[in-house]
Amino acid sequence: MILLDGAPVTSLEDYVERGGGAALSIAIKAGPDHVLSELEASGLRGRGGAGFSTGLKWRSIVAGGAEAGERFVVANGAEGEPGTFKDRALLRHNPYLLLEGLLVAAHTVGARRVFVALKSSFEFEADVVALGAAEMAAAGWADDVQIELVRGPDEYLFGEEKALLEVIEGEEPLPRLFPPYLYGLFTTSPQVGWSAGRTLAGVRPHGSNPTLVNNVETLSTVPAIVANGGEWYRGFGTAESPGTMVCTVSGDTVRHGVGEFELGTPVATVIAELGGGMADGRAVKYVLSGISNPVLRGELIDTPLTYEHMESVGAGLGTGGFIVYDDRTDPAELAYAVSRFLGIESCGQCSACKLGCQAVTELLSGLDGVTEGAVYGDISARLASVTDASRCFLPSQEQRVVTSLMRDMHDPESRRPARGLELTKILDLVGDRFVLDDTQSRKRPDWTYEPKAT
């Protein structure tokens, strides 16, 4: 289609032969207003999970003029959402799309430095990005822009955009208070945050340094839109959710996989084509679109793959990473698995989040075989306050996912024996199965690990 078309791209020469570079040329010649207008016309929404208008986000970085300080652009490749492998698949297929998208963004918002942030464990992806950046620099594509690769920790919160900026500045992945368009990289403006007190006064001019953060898929889509036009992009997908999305399917399906689909495709079709459907005699009971949205129940898997349709049935599109659970799944055990992951990965800056997620996890751990009782009131009370004074979306994820399973926890017909469910990150795709991170079960709330059993 747009992003995963043809064989993998192996060199800058190969990329140019397939039309690469056209978008950057247009961005330089036509200028920022043209690029912003095409992005807004395309209706592209961020593929990092929030679905925010890409054109509006870019325009907000430009706003404020020179007095707002420098501008920076960051590609968020710190993919760690359970059930998601799309950004790594894109980088393996064609890293040049991302790099050209970054350069287009730099010329549009006026950035002289851009960053690609990847987890340290993404060794192959880092190698191809570094090689591509070097090729572009040698070819004169990046004469006015410095491309920098940042390798960060494997913690889940490294993927949160405010924590991402902290890592680029040499700090731990603990979300700061203000979003990047208000408080960007290397700023001297006052910051009420975990690293408050650090100053660059006298080293850099004063300014809030608005910083554009987009994930790999969003930036990789930009070259096609700029080269072909926003109206061309609207030829894919639906009126409200135009374009395509790279989806990941894992879990109880026959196989696992990654592929690109037009928005508007039924979720059932995505599961069938990438996952091969369910094993004989099994049916879909729940689908998690990552762990950011309420569950999609099996009877609703014909819902079209769009932001508006998924929200209309009480779920969400997220990053297009679908973890499929069959009819052996107990709702309380699934809620426990989600809650434990989020409780462990919470950074602890917001006590309502860290303590609340852990308290919900503990309450859920005792629900084996329980179908009614005061414990549900305790869980609901904890969920109601878990987002108090939160700096990031993590506690909202806890609230949304666990709450969506509460109805079934009460229903004896929905309860099942425990099957040892665990939520964890995808490490790699080998053949038609994902390799999962088996260290998550040993991870402690302070981000250290229990010794491996001998």
Protein backbone atom coordinates (compact mmCIF):
# COMPACT_ATOMS: atom_id res chain seq x y z
CA MET A 1 0.00 0.00 0.00
CA ILE A 2 1.94 3.01 1.33
CA LEU A 3 4.39 1.91 4.02
CA LEU A 4 5.03 -1.83 3.61
CA ASP A 5 4.87 -1.97 -0.17
CA GLY A 6 7.27 -4.22 -2.10
CA ALA A 7 10.54 -5.73 -0.93
CA PRO A 8 12.57 -4.18 1.91
CA VAL A 9 14.58 -1.09 0.93
CA THR A 10 18.27 -1.79 1.37
CA SER A 11 20.05 1.45 0.40
CA LEU A 12 19.50 5.13 -0.31
CA GLU A 13 20.02 4.41 -4.00
CA ASP A 14 17.27 1.78 -3.86
CA TYR A 15 15.03 4.27 -2.07
CA VAL A 16 15.57 6.98 -4.68
CA GLU A 17 14.82 4.52 -7.49
CA ARG A 18 11.42 3.95 -5.85
CA GLY A 19 10.66 7.67 -5.70
CA GLY A 20 12.34 8.56 -2.43
CA GLY A 21 13.45 12.15 -1.94
CA ALA A 22 10.55 13.78 -3.77
CA ALA A 23 8.89 14.92 -0.53
CA LEU A 24 12.04 16.55 0.82
CA SER A 25 12.57 18.40 -2.45
CA ILE A 26 8.98 19.70 -2.35
CA ALA A 27 9.30 20.73 1.31
CA ILE A 28 12.45 22.74 0.59
CA LYS A 29 11.10 24.41 -2.55
CA ALA A 30 7.44 24.94 -1.59
CA GLY A 31 8.04 25.87 2.05
CA PRO A 32 6.41 25.19 5.42
CA ASP A 33 2.94 26.53 4.64
CA HIS A 34 2.58 24.13 1.71
CA VAL A 35 3.59 21.12 3.81
CA LEU A 36 1.30 22.11 6.66
CA SER A 37 -1.62 22.61 4.28
CA GLU A 38 -1.11 19.19 2.69
CA LEU A 39 -0.89 17.49 6.09
CA GLU A 40 -4.08 19.18 7.24
CA ALA A 41 -5.82 18.29 3.98
CA SER A 42 -4.74 14.64 4.37
CA GLY A 43 -6.45 14.25 7.73
CA LEU A 44 -3.49 12.21 9.00
CA ARG A 45 -3.84 11.44 12.68
CA GLY A 46 -0.93 10.42 14.88
CA ARG A 47 -0.37 6.67 14.92
CA GLY A 48 1.21 6.64 18.37
CA GLY A 49 -2.13 5.97 20.05
CA ALA A 50 -3.72 9.36 20.69
CA GLY A 51 -4.88 9.93 17.11
CA PHE A 52 -4.29 13.68 17.28
CA SER A 53 -4.28 15.70 14.04
CA THR A 54 -0.73 15.66 12.66
CA GLY A 55 -1.12 18.91 10.74
CA LEU A 56 -2.42 20.74 13.80
CA LYS A 57 0.37 19.34 15.95
CA TRP A 58 3.04 20.51 13.50
CA ARG A 59 1.43 23.94 13.22
CA SER A 60 1.42 24.31 17.02
CA ILE A 61 5.21 23.85 17.04
CA VAL A 62 5.65 26.65 14.50
CA ALA A 63 3.37 29.02 16.45
CA GLY A 64 4.97 31.59 18.74
CA GLY A 65 7.75 32.71 16.44
CA ALA A 66 11.43 33.08 17.28
CA GLU A 67 10.77 34.26 20.83
CA ALA A 68 9.59 30.74 21.73
CA GLY A 69 13.14 29.51 21.22
CA GLU A 70 14.64 26.73 19.12
CA ARG A 71 12.64 23.91 17.56
CA PHE A 72 13.47 20.21 17.65
CA VAL A 73 11.92 17.11 16.11
CA VAL A 74 11.88 13.67 17.75
CA ALA A 75 10.93 10.33 16.22
CA ASN A 76 9.52 8.15 18.97
CA GLY A 77 10.69 4.62 18.23
CA ALA A 78 10.68 3.48 21.87
CA GLU A 79 8.03 0.88 21.12
CA GLY A 80 7.08 -1.07 24.25
CA GLU A 81 3.28 -1.32 24.25
CA PRO A 82 2.31 -4.99 24.70
CA GLY A 83 0.99 -6.37 21.42
CA THR A 84 2.72 -3.79 19.21
CA PHE A 85 5.53 -4.39 16.71
CA LYS A 86 4.66 -2.01 13.88
CA ASP A 87 7.42 0.59 14.26
CA ARG A 88 10.16 -2.03 14.25
CA ALA A 89 8.54 -3.69 11.22
CA LEU A 90 8.58 -0.34 9.40
CA LEU A 91 12.22 0.34 10.24
CA ARG A 92 13.20 -3.12 9.08
CA HIS A 93 11.30 -2.65 5.83
CA ASN A 94 12.26 0.95 4.97
CA PRO A 95 14.12 3.19 7.45
CA TYR A 96 14.50 5.86 4.74
CA LEU A 97 10.81 6.75 4.96
CA LEU A 98 11.25 7.72 8.60
CA LEU A 99 14.43 9.68 7.92
CA GLU A 100 12.90 11.60 5.02
CA GLY A 101 9.82 12.32 7.16
CA LEU A 102 12.12 13.67 9.87
CA LEU A 103 13.91 15.96 7.43
CA VAL A 104 10.60 17.21 6.00
CA ALA A 105 9.46 17.94 9.56
CA ALA A 106 12.71 19.77 10.34
CA HIS A 107 12.37 22.06 7.33
CA THR A 108 8.71 22.67 8.12
CA VAL A 109 9.03 23.61 11.80
CA GLY A 110 12.51 25.17 11.55
CA ALA A 111 14.53 22.56 13.46
CA ARG A 112 18.29 22.19 13.05
CA ARG A 113 18.56 19.03 15.17
CA VAL A 114 16.35 15.95 14.97
CA PHE A 115 16.46 12.79 17.06
CA VAL A 116 15.52 9.15 16.53
CA ALA A 117 14.87 7.58 19.93
CA LEU A 118 15.09 3.78 20.09
CA LYS A 119 15.37 1.28 22.89
CA SER A 120 18.86 -0.10 23.46
CA SER A 121 17.59 -3.59 22.69
CA PHE A 122 16.56 -2.52 19.15
CA GLU A 123 20.02 -3.26 17.77
CA PHE A 124 19.10 -4.03 14.14
CA GLU A 125 16.79 -1.02 13.94
CA ALA A 126 19.51 1.25 15.33
CA ASP A 127 22.00 -0.07 12.79
CA VAL A 128 19.76 0.57 9.76
CA VAL A 129 18.77 4.03 11.00
CA ALA A 130 22.43 4.97 11.58
CA LEU A 131 23.39 3.65 8.14
CA GLY A 132 20.53 5.50 6.45
CA ALA A 133 21.35 8.75 8.23
CA ALA A 134 24.99 8.45 7.19
CA GLU A 135 23.99 7.81 3.56
CA MET A 136 21.69 10.84 3.57
CA ALA A 137 24.38 13.05 5.11
CA ALA A 138 26.92 11.92 2.49
CA ALA A 139 24.40 12.60 -0.29
CA GLY A 140 23.77 16.13 0.98
CA TRP A 141 20.19 15.50 2.08
CA ALA A 142 20.84 16.71 5.62
CA ASP A 143 23.27 19.59 5.10
CA ASP A 144 21.19 21.92 7.30
CA VAL A 145 19.93 19.32 9.79
CA GLN A 146 21.78 17.14 12.28
CA ILE A 147 20.27 13.66 12.72
CA GLU A 148 21.06 12.09 16.09
CA LEU A 149 20.33 8.56 17.28
CA VAL A 150 19.47 8.14 20.97
CA ARG A 151 19.51 4.70 22.60
CA GLY A 152 17.38 4.55 25.73
CA PRO A 153 16.31 2.06 28.41
CA ASP A 154 13.83 -0.76 27.87
CA GLU A 155 11.37 0.67 30.38
CA TYR A 156 7.78 1.04 29.18
CA LEU A 157 7.67 4.75 30.07
CA PHE A 158 10.54 5.55 27.72
CA GLY A 159 7.82 5.58 25.05
CA GLU A 160 5.85 8.34 26.82
CA GLU A 161 6.70 11.56 24.98
CA LYS A 162 7.57 13.66 28.04
CA ALA A 163 9.72 10.87 29.50
CA LEU A 164 11.32 10.48 26.06
CA LEU A 165 12.59 14.07 26.21
CA GLU A 166 14.05 13.41 29.64
CA VAL A 167 16.05 10.47 28.26
CA ILE A 168 17.35 12.55 25.34
CA GLU A 169 18.61 15.06 27.92
CA GLY A 170 20.40 12.28 29.83
CA GLU A 171 17.82 11.70 32.55
CA GLU A 172 15.73 8.68 33.59
CA PRO A 173 12.40 8.02 31.76
CA LEU A 174 10.23 9.85 34.28
CA PRO A 175 7.52 11.99 32.64
CA ARG A 176 7.89 15.73 33.15
CA LEU A 177 4.86 17.90 33.85
CA PHE A 178 4.40 19.90 30.66
CA PRO A 179 3.93 18.55 27.10
CA PRO A 180 6.70 18.97 24.48
CA TYR A 181 4.94 21.76 22.57
CA LEU A 182 5.00 23.85 25.78
CA TYR A 183 8.28 22.67 27.30
CA GLY A 184 10.64 21.12 24.79
CA LEU A 185 14.23 19.96 24.67
CA PHE A 186 17.15 21.79 26.29
CA THR A 187 15.03 24.67 27.52
CA THR A 188 15.96 27.22 30.14
CA SER A 189 12.35 27.93 31.03
CA PRO A 190 11.28 26.98 34.57
CA GLN A 191 10.02 23.42 34.84
CA VAL A 192 8.06 21.91 37.72
CA GLY A 193 9.29 18.39 37.27
CA TRP A 194 11.40 15.63 38.66
CA SER A 195 14.57 17.22 37.26
CA ALA A 196 13.67 20.79 38.21
CA GLY A 197 16.68 22.82 39.22
CA ARG A 198 18.92 21.95 36.29
CA THR A 199 19.71 25.11 34.36
CA LEU A 200 21.25 25.96 31.03
CA ALA A 201 21.18 29.71 31.67
CA GLY A 202 24.13 31.40 30.05
CA VAL A 203 24.68 28.41 27.77
CA ARG A 204 21.56 28.62 25.61
CA PRO A 205 19.18 31.49 24.91
CA HIS A 206 15.98 31.59 26.95
CA GLY A 207 12.96 29.90 25.39
CA SER A 208 10.47 27.07 25.76
CA ASN A 209 11.89 25.32 22.65
CA PRO A 210 8.69 23.71 21.28
CA THR A 211 9.51 20.14 20.28
CA LEU A 212 7.63 18.00 17.79
CA VAL A 213 7.31 14.36 18.85
CA ASN A 214 5.76 11.88 16.43
CA ASN A 215 6.02 8.13 16.37
CA VAL A 216 7.78 6.19 13.61
CA GLU A 217 4.64 5.32 11.64
CA THR A 218 3.35 8.90 11.57
CA LEU A 219 6.64 10.33 10.31
CA SER A 220 7.04 7.48 7.82
CA THR A 221 3.66 8.39 6.30
CA VAL A 222 4.60 12.04 5.73
CA PRO A 223 6.76 11.60 2.58
CA ALA A 224 3.92 9.96 0.63
CA ILE A 225 1.48 12.72 1.61
CA VAL A 226 3.84 15.56 0.70
CA ALA A 227 4.86 13.89 -2.57
CA ASN A 228 1.34 12.94 -3.68
CA GLY A 229 -0.87 15.47 -1.90
CA GLY A 230 -3.33 15.42 0.95
CA GLU A 231 -6.31 14.64 -1.28
CA TRP A 232 -4.50 11.59 -2.68
CA TYR A 233 -4.08 10.27 0.88
CA ARG A 234 -7.79 10.74 1.51
CA GLY A 235 -8.41 8.19 -1.21
CA PHE A 236 -7.55 5.59 1.41
CA GLY A 237 -9.62 4.84 4.50
CA THR A 238 -12.76 6.70 5.52
CA ALA A 239 -13.83 10.33 5.62
CA GLU A 240 -13.12 10.71 9.34
CA SER A 241 -10.22 8.25 9.54
CA PRO A 242 -8.33 8.55 6.24
CA GLY A 243 -5.28 6.54 5.27
CA THR A 244 -3.82 3.23 6.31
CA MET A 245 -2.56 1.76 9.56
CA VAL A 246 0.11 -0.82 10.27
CA CYS A 247 -1.45 -3.41 12.58
CA THR A 248 -0.03 -6.13 14.82
CA VAL A 249 -1.94 -9.29 15.77
CA SER A 250 -0.82 -11.61 18.57
CA GLY A 251 -2.27 -13.71 21.36
CA ASP A 252 -4.44 -16.79 20.89
CA THR A 253 -4.61 -16.60 17.11
CA VAL A 254 -3.24 -19.42 14.93
CA ARG A 255 -0.27 -17.27 13.99
CA HIS A 256 1.05 -13.77 14.63
CA GLY A 257 1.92 -11.01 12.21
CA VAL A 258 2.24 -7.39 11.09
CA GLY A 259 0.55 -5.82 8.06
CA GLU A 260 -0.84 -2.62 6.58
CA PHE A 261 -4.59 -2.10 6.17
CA GLU A 262 -6.86 0.65 4.97
CA LEU A 263 -8.73 2.25 7.83
CA GLY A 264 -12.32 1.06 7.67
CA THR A 265 -11.31 -2.59 7.32
CA PRO A 266 -13.21 -4.74 9.88
CA VAL A 267 -11.11 -5.79 12.86
CA ALA A 268 -12.20 -9.37 12.12
CA THR A 269 -10.49 -9.16 8.71
CA VAL A 270 -7.26 -7.93 10.27
CA ILE A 271 -7.34 -10.81 12.76
CA ALA A 272 -8.08 -13.32 10.02
CA GLU A 273 -5.40 -12.11 7.59
CA LEU A 274 -2.59 -11.57 10.08
CA GLY A 275 -3.55 -14.09 12.72
CA GLY A 276 -5.10 -16.84 10.65
CA GLY A 277 -8.20 -16.78 12.83
CA MET A 278 -8.68 -18.89 15.94
CA ALA A 279 -7.87 -22.53 16.64
CA ASP A 280 -10.60 -25.04 15.84
CA GLY A 281 -13.40 -24.91 18.36
CA ARG A 282 -12.29 -21.57 19.81
CA ALA A 283 -13.89 -18.14 19.49
CA VAL A 284 -12.68 -14.60 20.17
CA LYS A 285 -13.71 -13.44 23.64
CA TYR A 286 -11.66 -10.26 24.09
CA VAL A 287 -9.35 -8.10 21.98
CA LEU A 288 -6.98 -5.63 23.60
CA SER A 289 -5.76 -2.81 21.36
CA GLY A 290 -2.58 -2.55 23.36
CA ILE A 291 -3.31 -1.74 26.98
CA SER A 292 -4.51 1.81 26.44
CA ASN A 293 -8.16 1.19 25.63
CA PRO A 294 -11.17 -0.70 26.99
CA VAL A 295 -11.47 -4.26 25.68
CA LEU A 296 -13.27 -5.02 22.44
CA ARG A 297 -15.57 -7.98 23.01
CA GLY A 298 -15.70 -10.89 20.61
CA GLU A 299 -19.21 -10.14 19.39
CA LEU A 300 -17.97 -6.73 18.16
CA ILE A 301 -14.93 -7.78 16.09
CA ASP A 302 -16.66 -6.80 12.85
CA THR A 303 -16.27 -3.18 13.98
CA PRO A 304 -14.46 -1.13 11.30
CA LEU A 305 -10.87 -0.22 12.00
CA THR A 306 -11.39 3.54 12.54
CA TYR A 307 -11.05 5.91 15.45
CA GLU A 308 -14.73 6.80 15.48
CA HIS A 309 -16.11 3.26 15.09
CA MET A 310 -13.88 1.77 17.77
CA GLU A 311 -14.79 4.56 20.18
CA SER A 312 -18.50 4.14 19.38
CA VAL A 313 -18.45 0.55 20.69
CA GLY A 314 -16.60 1.57 23.85
CA ALA A 315 -13.12 0.46 22.79
CA GLY A 316 -10.34 2.36 21.00
CA LEU A 317 -7.95 2.05 18.07
CA GLY A 318 -4.72 2.80 19.92
CA THR A 319 -1.59 1.86 18.00
CA GLY A 320 -3.28 -0.91 16.02
CA GLY A 321 -1.70 -3.62 18.17
CA PHE A 322 -4.35 -6.29 18.77
CA ILE A 323 -3.88 -8.97 21.42
CA VAL A 324 -6.59 -11.59 20.84
CA TYR A 325 -7.91 -13.78 23.66
CA ASP A 326 -10.12 -16.80 23.10
CA ASP A 327 -13.06 -18.13 25.10
CA ARG A 328 -10.83 -19.80 27.70
CA THR A 329 -9.99 -16.35 29.10
CA ASP A 330 -11.12 -15.24 32.56
CA PRO A 331 -11.89 -11.51 32.74
CA ALA A 332 -10.46 -11.13 36.24
CA GLU A 333 -7.21 -12.82 35.27
CA LEU A 334 -6.89 -10.61 32.18
CA ALA A 335 -7.56 -7.50 34.28
CA TYR A 336 -4.95 -8.70 36.78
CA ALA A 337 -2.37 -9.17 34.01
CA VAL A 338 -2.95 -5.64 32.69
CA SER A 339 -2.95 -4.11 36.16
CA ARG A 340 0.25 -5.87 37.17
CA PHE A 341 2.08 -4.68 34.04
CA LEU A 342 1.00 -1.08 34.56
CA GLY A 343 1.66 -1.16 38.30
CA ILE A 344 5.18 -2.44 37.72
CA GLU A 345 5.89 0.04 34.92
CA SER A 346 4.50 3.09 36.77
CA CYS A 347 7.45 5.36 37.62
CA GLY A 348 6.24 6.31 41.11
CA GLN A 349 6.26 10.10 40.71
CA CYS A 350 2.49 10.17 41.24
CA SER A 351 1.64 8.16 44.34
CA ALA A 352 -2.02 7.75 43.38
CA CYS A 353 -0.90 5.94 40.24
CA LYS A 354 1.85 3.74 41.70
CA LEU A 355 0.05 2.78 44.89
CA GLY A 356 -3.36 2.65 43.25
CA CYS A 357 -2.31 0.34 40.41
CA GLN A 358 -0.58 -1.95 42.88
CA ALA A 359 -3.62 -1.98 45.16
CA VAL A 360 -5.91 -2.88 42.25
CA THR A 361 -3.49 -5.63 41.22
CA GLU A 362 -3.59 -7.07 44.73
CA LEU A 363 -7.39 -6.97 44.85
CA LEU A 364 -7.65 -8.66 41.47
CA SER A 365 -5.25 -11.39 42.50
CA GLY A 366 -7.83 -12.66 44.99
CA LEU A 367 -10.73 -12.89 42.56
CA ASP A 368 -10.18 -16.47 41.44
CA GLY A 369 -13.65 -18.02 41.52
CA VAL A 370 -15.28 -14.96 43.15
CA THR A 371 -18.35 -13.67 41.30
CA GLU A 372 -19.69 -11.09 43.71
CA GLY A 373 -18.75 -9.30 46.91
CA ALA A 374 -17.46 -6.09 48.46
CA VAL A 375 -14.10 -6.49 46.71
CA TYR A 376 -15.62 -5.02 43.54
CA GLY A 377 -16.50 -1.87 45.43
CA ASP A 378 -12.91 -1.66 46.65
CA ILE A 379 -11.58 -2.05 43.11
CA SER A 380 -13.94 0.61 41.78
CA ALA A 381 -12.96 3.02 44.55
CA ARG A 382 -9.27 2.57 43.79
CA LEU A 383 -9.84 2.99 40.07
CA ALA A 384 -11.72 6.25 40.68
CA SER A 385 -8.68 7.89 42.30
CA VAL A 386 -5.80 6.25 40.45
CA THR A 387 -5.50 9.17 37.99
CA ASP A 388 -5.26 11.89 40.66
CA ALA A 389 -2.55 14.46 39.75
CA SER A 390 -1.15 12.16 37.07
CA ARG A 391 1.66 13.30 34.77
CA CYS A 392 0.97 10.78 32.01
CA PHE A 393 -1.72 8.49 30.61
CA LEU A 394 -0.62 5.29 32.36
CA PRO A 395 -3.14 5.42 35.25
CA SER A 396 -5.92 6.25 32.79
CA GLN A 397 -5.02 3.04 30.98
CA GLU A 398 -5.44 1.14 34.25
CA GLN A 399 -8.80 2.78 34.79
CA ARG A 400 -10.08 2.20 31.25
CA VAL A 401 -9.03 -1.42 30.76
CA VAL A 402 -9.91 -2.79 34.20
CA THR A 403 -13.24 -0.95 34.30
CA SER A 404 -14.16 -2.43 30.91
CA LEU A 405 -13.77 -5.94 32.35
CA MET A 406 -15.66 -5.34 35.61
CA ARG A 407 -19.06 -6.29 34.15
CA ASP A 408 -17.82 -9.73 33.15
CA MET A 409 -16.09 -10.30 36.50
CA HIS A 410 -19.55 -10.20 38.10
CA ASP A 411 -20.99 -12.67 35.58
CA PRO A 412 -20.58 -16.37 36.51
CA GLU A 413 -21.04 -17.31 32.86
CA SER A 414 -17.97 -15.29 31.88
CA ARG A 415 -15.64 -16.69 34.53
CA ARG A 416 -13.01 -19.28 33.57
CA PRO A 417 -10.18 -21.14 35.32
CA ALA A 418 -6.90 -19.25 35.42
CA ARG A 419 -4.52 -20.01 32.55
CA GLY A 420 -1.39 -18.10 33.55
CA LEU A 421 -1.91 -14.95 31.50
CA GLU A 422 0.86 -12.37 31.44
CA LEU A 423 1.14 -9.04 29.62
CA THR A 424 4.60 -8.31 28.30
CA LYS A 425 6.46 -6.66 25.44
CA ILE A 426 7.20 -8.19 22.03
CA LEU A 427 10.92 -8.76 21.44
CA ASP A 428 10.96 -10.09 17.90
CA LEU A 429 9.03 -11.80 15.13
CA VAL A 430 10.44 -15.21 14.22
CA GLY A 431 8.57 -16.95 11.45
CA ASP A 432 4.90 -16.49 12.25
CA ARG A 433 5.19 -16.17 16.03
CA PHE A 434 6.28 -13.31 18.25
CA VAL A 435 9.01 -13.81 20.82
CA LEU A 436 7.84 -12.24 24.09
CA ASP A 437 9.85 -10.71 26.92
CA ASP A 438 10.02 -13.45 29.55
CA THR A 439 11.64 -11.17 32.16
CA GLN A 440 8.43 -9.23 32.90
CA SER A 441 7.27 -11.82 35.46
CA ARG A 442 10.45 -11.15 37.48
CA LYS A 443 10.29 -7.36 37.29
CA ARG A 444 9.74 -5.52 40.56
CA PRO A 445 7.89 -2.21 41.11
CA ASP A 446 11.25 -0.41 41.47
CA TRP A 447 12.26 -1.66 37.97
CA THR A 448 14.79 -4.15 39.31
CA TYR A 449 14.41 -7.88 38.70
CA GLU A 450 14.07 -10.97 40.83
CA PRO A 451 16.95 -13.41 40.22
CA LYS A 452 16.17 -15.95 37.53
CA ALA A 453 15.19 -19.31 38.96
CA THR A 454 17.77 -22.06 38.52
